[in-house]
Amino acid sequence: MTVDGEAFVVHSIPVPNRILIKAERFEQVAYETKEQFLRDVLALELSFRQKAKQARLIKKAKFRELKWLNDDEWSDQIH
């Protein structure tokens, strides 16, 4: 990959086919080097996509209500 004529390799980050990164997210990333900036921007985008996918799948599952194990009453008879 080249940026401004400099070649470098970004390791360990899966790069999506379409990169749709909003400008507001760029402002959250500090710029030290080109490689670090690109790696951090892609990591931020990947994190955003994972959270969006999780929310989308939970919505698609159509849970009637959110339940937690702590809300149930547990007794010693349950094995």
C-alpha atoms as a PDB file:
ATOM      1  CA  MET A   1       0.000   0.000   0.000  1.00  0.00           C
ATOM      2  CA  THR A   2       1.314   3.473  -0.747  1.00  0.00           C
ATOM      3  CA  VAL A   3       0.355   6.807   0.729  1.00  0.00           C
ATOM      4  CA  ASP A   4       1.974   9.959  -0.602  1.00  0.00           C
ATOM      5  CA  GLY A   5       4.546   7.821  -2.392  1.00  0.00           C
ATOM      6  CA  GLU A   6       5.606   5.945   0.756  1.00  0.00           C
ATOM      7  CA  ALA A   7       5.071   2.191   0.813  1.00  0.00           C
ATOM      8  CA  PHE A   8       4.049   0.405   3.990  1.00  0.00           C
ATOM      9  CA  VAL A   9       2.107  -2.672   5.073  1.00  0.00           C
ATOM     10  CA  VAL A  10      -0.746  -2.688   7.556  1.00  0.00           C
ATOM     11  CA  HIS A  11      -0.665  -5.926   9.530  1.00  0.00           C
ATOM     12  CA  SER A  12      -3.400  -7.823  11.400  1.00  0.00           C
ATOM     13  CA  ILE A  13      -6.332  -5.656  10.349  1.00  0.00           C
ATOM     14  CA  PRO A  14      -8.936  -7.043   7.967  1.00  0.00           C
ATOM     15  CA  VAL A  15      -9.722  -4.278   5.491  1.00  0.00           C
ATOM     16  CA  PRO A  16     -13.358  -4.240   4.357  1.00  0.00           C
ATOM     17  CA  ASN A  17     -14.205  -4.009   0.658  1.00  0.00           C
ATOM     18  CA  ARG A  18     -15.998  -0.727   1.210  1.00  0.00           C
ATOM     19  CA  ILE A  19     -14.615   1.713   3.720  1.00  0.00           C
ATOM     20  CA  LEU A  20     -17.306   4.163   4.756  1.00  0.00           C
ATOM     21  CA  ILE A  21     -15.746   6.147   7.557  1.00  0.00           C
ATOM     22  CA  LYS A  22     -17.456   9.264   8.829  1.00  0.00           C
ATOM     23  CA  ALA A  23     -15.330  12.366   9.245  1.00  0.00           C
ATOM     24  CA  GLU A  24     -16.208  12.641  12.951  1.00  0.00           C
ATOM     25  CA  ARG A  25     -14.370   9.386  13.603  1.00  0.00           C
ATOM     26  CA  PHE A  26     -11.180  10.724  12.003  1.00  0.00           C
ATOM     27  CA  GLU A  27     -11.041  13.457  14.618  1.00  0.00           C
ATOM     28  CA  GLN A  28     -10.855  10.842  17.400  1.00  0.00           C
ATOM     29  CA  VAL A  29      -7.584   9.401  16.040  1.00  0.00           C
ATOM     30  CA  ALA A  30      -4.265  11.003  16.912  1.00  0.00           C
ATOM     31  CA  TYR A  31      -1.788  11.388  14.059  1.00  0.00           C
ATOM     32  CA  GLU A  32       1.757  10.275  14.777  1.00  0.00           C
ATOM     33  CA  THR A  33       2.698   8.384  11.633  1.00  0.00           C
ATOM     34  CA  LYS A  34       0.809   7.525   8.470  1.00  0.00           C
ATOM     35  CA  GLU A  35       0.866   3.822   9.273  1.00  0.00           C
ATOM     36  CA  GLN A  36      -0.331   4.334  12.853  1.00  0.00           C
ATOM     37  CA  PHE A  37      -3.096   6.701  11.719  1.00  0.00           C
ATOM     38  CA  LEU A  38      -4.388   4.309   9.069  1.00  0.00           C
ATOM     39  CA  ARG A  39      -4.187   1.342  11.455  1.00  0.00           C
ATOM     40  CA  ASP A  40      -6.098   3.225  14.173  1.00  0.00           C
ATOM     41  CA  VAL A  41      -8.741   4.544  11.754  1.00  0.00           C
ATOM     42  CA  LEU A  42      -9.354   1.036  10.384  1.00  0.00           C
ATOM     43  CA  ALA A  43      -9.471  -0.441  13.895  1.00  0.00           C
ATOM     44  CA  LEU A  44     -12.005   2.215  14.914  1.00  0.00           C
ATOM     45  CA  GLU A  45     -14.122   1.459  11.838  1.00  0.00           C
ATOM     46  CA  LEU A  46     -13.957  -2.287  12.546  1.00  0.00           C
ATOM     47  CA  SER A  47     -15.070  -1.708  16.135  1.00  0.00           C
ATOM     48  CA  PHE A  48     -17.957   0.486  14.962  1.00  0.00           C
ATOM     49  CA  ARG A  49     -19.064  -2.155  12.450  1.00  0.00           C
ATOM     50  CA  GLN A  50     -18.946  -4.941  15.050  1.00  0.00           C
ATOM     51  CA  LYS A  51     -21.118  -2.923  17.451  1.00  0.00           C
ATOM     52  CA  ALA A  52     -23.564  -2.060  14.661  1.00  0.00           C
ATOM     53  CA  LYS A  53     -23.755  -5.717  13.612  1.00  0.00           C
ATOM     54  CA  GLN A  54     -24.417  -6.807  17.187  1.00  0.00           C
ATOM     55  CA  ALA A  55     -27.230  -4.257  17.551  1.00  0.00           C
ATOM     56  CA  ARG A  56     -28.679  -5.256  14.162  1.00  0.00           C
ATOM     57  CA  LEU A  57     -28.682  -8.975  15.047  1.00  0.00           C
ATOM     58  CA  ILE A  58     -30.280  -8.352  18.453  1.00  0.00           C
ATOM     59  CA  LYS A  59     -32.995  -6.306  16.756  1.00  0.00           C
ATOM     60  CA  LYS A  60     -33.461  -9.006  14.116  1.00  0.00           C
ATOM     61  CA  ALA A  61     -33.868 -11.676  16.842  1.00  0.00           C
ATOM     62  CA  LYS A  62     -36.975  -9.759  18.065  1.00  0.00           C
ATOM     63  CA  PHE A  63     -36.521 -10.512  21.739  1.00  0.00           C
ATOM     64  CA  ARG A  64     -39.714  -9.579  23.553  1.00  0.00           C
ATOM     65  CA  GLU A  65     -37.911  -8.262  26.596  1.00  0.00           C
ATOM     66  CA  LEU A  66     -34.403  -8.182  27.937  1.00  0.00           C
ATOM     67  CA  LYS A  67     -33.912 -10.718  30.728  1.00  0.00           C
ATOM     68  CA  TRP A  68     -30.912 -11.368  32.949  1.00  0.00           C
ATOM     69  CA  LEU A  69     -30.063 -14.458  34.976  1.00  0.00           C
ATOM     70  CA  ASN A  70     -29.776 -12.260  38.061  1.00  0.00           C
ATOM     71  CA  ASP A  71     -33.491 -11.421  37.794  1.00  0.00           C
ATOM     72  CA  ASP A  72     -34.559 -15.047  38.356  1.00  0.00           C
ATOM     73  CA  GLU A  73     -34.947 -16.581  41.782  1.00  0.00           C
ATOM     74  CA  TRP A  74     -32.512 -19.437  42.295  1.00  0.00           C
ATOM     75  CA  SER A  75     -32.822 -22.125  44.931  1.00  0.00           C
ATOM     76  CA  ASP A  76     -30.642 -25.006  46.107  1.00  0.00           C
ATOM     77  CA  GLN A  77     -32.931 -27.481  44.334  1.00  0.00           C
ATOM     78  CA  ILE A  78     -31.678 -26.421  40.898  1.00  0.00           C
ATOM     79  CA  HIS A  79     -28.789 -28.576  39.720  1.00  0.00           C
END
